[in-house]
Amino acid sequence: MTERVAILGTGNMGEAILAGALGAGWSPGEIVATVRASERGAALRERFGVVTLTDNAAAVAGAALVVVAVKPKGVPALLGEIGRSLADGAVVVSVAAGVTTPAMESELPAGTPVVRTMPNTPAQIGAGITAVAPGTAATDAHLALVERFLGGTGDVVRVAEKDMDAVTALSGGGPAYVFLVIEAMTEAGVHAGLTRDVAARLAQQTVLGAARLTVESGEHPAILREKVTSPAGTTAAGLRALEDAGVRAAFLAAIAAARTRSEQLGA
């Protein structure tokens, strides 16, 4: 068995993973992607040069790594479809929210190594982060293979299965929260008298720069916040308005709601 990879259900996230893998040095000849519509397959072949199929069982034959990228409700049926076609030792990886490793294992031949992952959409440009949690039969070698494949999409972190719903709530959905913040900052800039183009540019680069400074400086966000906040200054006034509006409580509620929904999807 070679280290050929099958990506089953190559929608937005599947395509992001595919693009990241190719960007990290995997060859198009090592990857096969499945689609439901022939038009979608043609588009992927033209853009990435990979083989595309509509037959999931055929796609997994001989693959060392099988990435299940369909919607959560479609995972059980898909695993039942491919189980008999898996090569010995093939690792099955899910990127579906809420689908636990025990749930995956129950649909596959006994002893199949499975890994639950949660990537996010910045994977499309190699700036994502993916959490991985092993099932009972997954070894460090299996995890290393998964991490190597996903490495092109950004950072990869290992967590316990019990933490995956929280990961889904924080980083899985997190880009949407940040997009909302950028959207809101842009609208506020327009209301303050800026043109939309200028306001959008200022908001986008401010979020990007603040995130990079947090990562590269290694300082706690609270310390960085204090450094930019002069006593009785403009930033202090803005922060007070945010605190009065309950911004912290809103994020706590958002993460809690998303985690609950992830748990419901896996029930």
Protein backbone atom coordinates (compact mmCIF):
# COMPACT_ATOMS: atom_id res chain seq x y z
CA MET A 1 0.00 0.00 0.00
CA THR A 2 1.36 3.40 -0.98
CA GLU A 3 0.63 6.65 0.82
CA ARG A 4 -2.14 7.47 -1.60
CA VAL A 5 -4.90 9.64 -0.17
CA ALA A 6 -8.63 9.59 -0.87
CA ILE A 7 -10.68 12.70 -0.06
CA LEU A 8 -14.35 11.75 0.07
CA GLY A 9 -16.79 14.60 -0.47
CA THR A 10 -14.65 17.37 -1.89
CA GLY A 11 -16.74 20.43 -1.03
CA ASN A 12 -15.37 23.66 0.40
CA MET A 13 -13.45 22.09 3.28
CA GLY A 14 -12.36 19.08 1.24
CA GLU A 15 -11.02 21.42 -1.43
CA ALA A 16 -9.19 23.49 1.19
CA ILE A 17 -7.51 20.34 2.50
CA LEU A 18 -6.67 19.26 -1.04
CA ALA A 19 -5.13 22.64 -1.87
CA GLY A 20 -3.13 22.65 1.35
CA ALA A 21 -1.75 19.17 0.74
CA LEU A 22 -0.66 20.02 -2.79
CA GLY A 23 0.91 23.24 -1.54
CA ALA A 24 2.88 21.24 1.02
CA GLY A 25 4.40 19.03 -1.66
CA TRP A 26 2.00 16.13 -2.12
CA SER A 27 1.71 15.13 -5.76
CA PRO A 28 -1.64 15.27 -7.60
CA GLY A 29 -0.97 11.66 -8.53
CA GLU A 30 -1.08 10.67 -4.85
CA ILE A 31 -4.58 12.03 -4.27
CA VAL A 32 -8.02 11.01 -5.52
CA ALA A 33 -11.08 13.12 -4.74
CA THR A 34 -14.73 12.11 -4.86
CA VAL A 35 -17.62 14.33 -5.87
CA ARG A 36 -21.35 13.95 -6.43
CA ALA A 37 -21.56 15.97 -9.65
CA SER A 38 -19.42 15.41 -12.75
CA GLU A 39 -19.18 19.18 -13.28
CA ARG A 40 -17.58 19.57 -9.87
CA GLY A 41 -15.14 16.79 -10.69
CA ALA A 42 -14.15 18.46 -13.95
CA ALA A 43 -13.49 21.74 -12.12
CA LEU A 44 -11.25 20.03 -9.55
CA ARG A 45 -9.33 18.12 -12.24
CA GLU A 46 -8.72 21.33 -14.19
CA ARG A 47 -7.62 23.31 -11.13
CA PHE A 48 -5.57 20.71 -9.24
CA GLY A 49 -4.79 17.91 -11.70
CA VAL A 50 -6.11 15.18 -9.39
CA VAL A 51 -8.19 12.15 -10.31
CA THR A 52 -11.85 12.58 -9.41
CA LEU A 53 -14.46 9.86 -8.99
CA THR A 54 -18.09 9.55 -7.97
CA ASP A 55 -17.55 6.05 -6.50
CA ASN A 56 -16.32 6.31 -2.90
CA ALA A 57 -15.56 2.60 -2.54
CA ALA A 58 -13.38 2.68 -5.64
CA ALA A 59 -11.59 5.78 -4.40
CA VAL A 60 -10.47 4.23 -1.10
CA ALA A 61 -9.08 1.03 -2.62
CA GLY A 62 -5.35 1.00 -1.90
CA ALA A 63 -5.36 4.34 -0.07
CA ALA A 64 -3.28 4.72 3.09
CA LEU A 65 -5.29 7.73 4.23
CA VAL A 66 -9.02 8.30 3.76
CA VAL A 67 -10.37 11.78 4.54
CA VAL A 68 -14.12 11.87 5.13
CA ALA A 69 -15.24 15.41 4.31
CA VAL A 70 -19.01 15.02 3.94
CA LYS A 71 -21.63 16.64 6.17
CA PRO A 72 -21.97 15.06 9.64
CA LYS A 73 -25.32 13.42 8.87
CA GLY A 74 -23.77 11.66 5.88
CA VAL A 75 -20.80 10.13 7.71
CA PRO A 76 -22.41 6.86 8.98
CA ALA A 77 -23.73 5.88 5.56
CA LEU A 78 -20.44 6.76 3.87
CA LEU A 79 -18.40 4.71 6.34
CA GLY A 80 -20.71 1.76 5.79
CA GLU A 81 -20.22 2.17 2.05
CA ILE A 82 -16.42 2.10 2.13
CA GLY A 83 -15.68 -0.29 5.01
CA ARG A 84 -15.15 -3.43 2.92
CA SER A 85 -12.98 -1.59 0.40
CA LEU A 86 -10.45 -0.18 2.87
CA ALA A 87 -6.88 -1.42 2.60
CA ASP A 88 -5.36 -3.10 5.65
CA GLY A 89 -4.04 -0.41 7.99
CA ALA A 90 -5.73 2.47 6.19
CA VAL A 91 -6.36 5.46 8.46
CA VAL A 92 -9.84 7.01 8.29
CA VAL A 93 -9.97 10.71 9.11
CA SER A 94 -13.13 12.73 9.68
CA VAL A 95 -13.42 16.50 9.38
CA ALA A 96 -17.14 16.46 10.25
CA ALA A 97 -18.30 18.43 13.29
CA GLY A 98 -19.67 16.36 16.16
CA VAL A 99 -18.79 12.91 14.79
CA THR A 100 -16.90 11.09 17.55
CA THR A 101 -14.21 8.48 17.09
CA PRO A 102 -16.38 5.78 18.78
CA ALA A 103 -19.17 6.59 16.33
CA MET A 104 -16.76 6.21 13.41
CA GLU A 105 -15.30 2.98 14.77
CA SER A 106 -18.77 1.47 15.13
CA GLU A 107 -19.35 1.82 11.38
CA LEU A 108 -15.98 0.39 10.28
CA PRO A 109 -14.25 -3.01 10.48
CA ALA A 110 -12.87 -3.73 13.94
CA GLY A 111 -9.40 -2.33 14.51
CA THR A 112 -9.60 0.36 11.84
CA PRO A 113 -7.49 3.34 12.97
CA VAL A 114 -9.61 6.49 12.97
CA VAL A 115 -8.73 10.10 13.68
CA ARG A 116 -11.21 12.89 14.32
CA THR A 117 -10.11 16.31 13.15
CA MET A 118 -11.49 19.84 13.10
CA PRO A 119 -9.88 22.20 10.58
CA ASN A 120 -11.06 25.70 9.75
CA THR A 121 -11.50 27.65 6.54
CA PRO A 122 -8.19 29.61 6.59
CA ALA A 123 -6.79 26.21 5.60
CA GLN A 124 -7.57 27.41 2.06
CA ILE A 125 -4.53 29.71 2.22
CA GLY A 126 -2.34 27.61 4.50
CA ALA A 127 -3.22 29.72 7.54
CA GLY A 128 -5.63 27.39 9.31
CA ILE A 129 -5.35 25.34 12.46
CA THR A 130 -6.52 21.76 12.78
CA ALA A 131 -7.04 19.79 15.98
CA VAL A 132 -6.62 16.01 15.78
CA ALA A 133 -7.87 13.38 18.23
CA PRO A 134 -7.02 9.67 17.85
CA GLY A 135 -9.38 6.75 18.16
CA THR A 136 -8.56 3.60 20.10
CA ALA A 137 -6.58 1.93 17.28
CA ALA A 138 -4.73 5.02 16.06
CA THR A 139 -1.00 5.05 16.88
CA ASP A 140 1.53 7.86 16.93
CA ALA A 141 2.58 6.76 13.44
CA HIS A 142 -1.00 7.14 12.21
CA LEU A 143 -1.24 10.59 13.78
CA ALA A 144 2.07 11.59 12.23
CA LEU A 145 0.75 10.65 8.78
CA VAL A 146 -2.40 12.68 9.33
CA GLU A 147 -0.39 15.65 10.63
CA ARG A 148 1.98 15.49 7.67
CA PHE A 149 -0.94 15.51 5.24
CA LEU A 150 -2.73 18.35 7.01
CA GLY A 151 0.44 20.36 7.63
CA GLY A 152 0.03 22.26 4.39
CA THR A 153 -3.21 23.78 5.67
CA GLY A 154 -1.52 25.48 8.65
CA ASP A 155 -0.84 24.50 12.24
CA VAL A 156 -1.88 21.12 13.68
CA VAL A 157 -2.45 20.42 17.38
CA ARG A 158 -3.25 17.14 19.17
CA VAL A 159 -6.11 17.12 21.67
CA ALA A 160 -8.18 14.54 23.52
CA GLU A 161 -11.48 13.34 22.08
CA LYS A 162 -13.33 14.96 24.99
CA ASP A 163 -12.06 18.39 23.90
CA MET A 164 -13.13 18.23 20.27
CA ASP A 165 -16.55 19.85 20.74
CA ALA A 166 -14.85 22.81 22.40
CA VAL A 167 -12.33 22.96 19.54
CA THR A 168 -15.19 22.94 17.05
CA ALA A 169 -16.81 25.85 18.88
CA LEU A 170 -13.62 27.91 19.20
CA SER A 171 -11.45 27.42 16.12
CA GLY A 172 -13.81 25.54 13.83
CA GLY A 173 -16.38 28.32 13.86
CA GLY A 174 -13.94 31.00 14.99
CA PRO A 175 -13.25 32.45 11.53
CA ALA A 176 -16.93 33.36 11.24
CA TYR A 177 -16.73 35.28 14.51
CA VAL A 178 -13.68 37.17 13.26
CA PHE A 179 -15.34 37.89 9.91
CA LEU A 180 -18.25 39.36 11.85
CA VAL A 181 -15.86 41.54 13.84
CA ILE A 182 -14.20 42.79 10.63
CA GLU A 183 -17.61 43.46 9.11
CA ALA A 184 -18.75 45.37 12.20
CA MET A 185 -15.52 47.41 12.38
CA THR A 186 -15.86 48.30 8.71
CA GLU A 187 -19.44 49.46 9.19
CA ALA A 188 -18.40 51.50 12.21
CA GLY A 189 -15.66 53.14 10.16
CA VAL A 190 -18.18 54.07 7.48
CA HIS A 191 -20.47 55.58 10.13
CA ALA A 192 -17.47 57.54 11.41
CA GLY A 193 -17.03 59.14 7.97
CA LEU A 194 -14.54 56.88 6.17
CA THR A 195 -15.12 55.50 2.70
CA ARG A 196 -16.05 51.81 2.67
CA ASP A 197 -12.86 50.80 0.86
CA VAL A 198 -10.65 52.60 3.37
CA ALA A 199 -12.65 51.35 6.35
CA ALA A 200 -12.46 47.75 5.10
CA ARG A 201 -8.71 47.98 4.53
CA LEU A 202 -8.13 49.45 7.98
CA ALA A 203 -10.31 46.81 9.69
CA GLN A 204 -8.78 43.86 7.83
CA GLN A 205 -5.17 44.86 8.38
CA THR A 206 -5.81 45.77 12.01
CA VAL A 207 -7.18 42.30 12.76
CA LEU A 208 -4.38 40.62 10.79
CA GLY A 209 -1.67 42.70 12.43
CA ALA A 210 -3.05 42.25 15.94
CA ALA A 211 -3.19 38.48 15.47
CA ARG A 212 0.38 38.35 14.15
CA LEU A 213 1.64 40.53 17.00
CA THR A 214 -0.02 38.23 19.53
CA VAL A 215 1.63 35.17 18.00
CA GLU A 216 5.05 36.61 17.25
CA SER A 217 5.53 38.61 20.44
CA GLY A 218 4.50 35.75 22.70
CA GLU A 219 2.92 38.25 25.08
CA HIS A 220 -0.47 37.75 26.69
CA PRO A 221 -3.26 39.58 24.84
CA ALA A 222 -4.10 41.48 28.03
CA ILE A 223 -0.56 42.89 28.17
CA LEU A 224 -0.70 43.91 24.51
CA ARG A 225 -4.09 45.54 25.12
CA GLU A 226 -2.70 47.52 28.04
CA LYS A 227 0.21 48.76 25.91
CA VAL A 228 -2.11 50.36 23.38
CA THR A 229 -4.52 51.77 25.98
CA SER A 230 -3.51 55.17 27.35
CA PRO A 231 -5.28 56.32 30.54
CA ALA A 232 -8.43 58.28 29.66
CA GLY A 233 -7.51 58.02 25.96
CA THR A 234 -9.47 57.15 22.85
CA THR A 235 -8.80 53.41 23.06
CA ALA A 236 -9.87 53.34 26.70
CA ALA A 237 -13.14 54.99 25.72
CA GLY A 238 -13.70 52.44 22.99
CA LEU A 239 -12.89 49.49 25.25
CA ARG A 240 -15.30 50.77 27.88
CA ALA A 241 -18.05 50.87 25.27
CA LEU A 242 -17.28 47.29 24.27
CA GLU A 243 -17.30 46.12 27.89
CA ASP A 244 -20.57 47.97 28.53
CA ALA A 245 -22.04 46.19 25.52
CA GLY A 246 -21.03 42.81 26.98
CA VAL A 247 -18.53 41.77 24.33
CA ARG A 248 -16.84 39.21 26.60
CA ALA A 249 -20.15 37.68 27.63
CA ALA A 250 -21.21 37.53 23.99
CA PHE A 251 -18.13 35.50 23.04
CA LEU A 252 -18.60 33.21 26.03
CA ALA A 253 -22.19 32.63 24.96
CA ALA A 254 -21.20 32.05 21.33
CA ILE A 255 -18.59 29.41 22.19
CA ALA A 256 -20.96 27.70 24.62
CA ALA A 257 -23.78 27.62 22.05
CA ALA A 258 -21.51 26.25 19.33
CA ARG A 259 -20.14 23.57 21.65
CA THR A 260 -23.65 22.48 22.59
CA ARG A 261 -24.59 22.26 18.92
CA SER A 262 -21.49 20.15 18.20
CA GLU A 263 -22.49 17.79 21.00
CA GLN A 264 -26.02 17.57 19.57
CA LEU A 265 -24.67 16.71 16.11
CA GLY A 266 -22.72 13.81 17.63
CA ALA A 267 -25.62 12.49 19.69
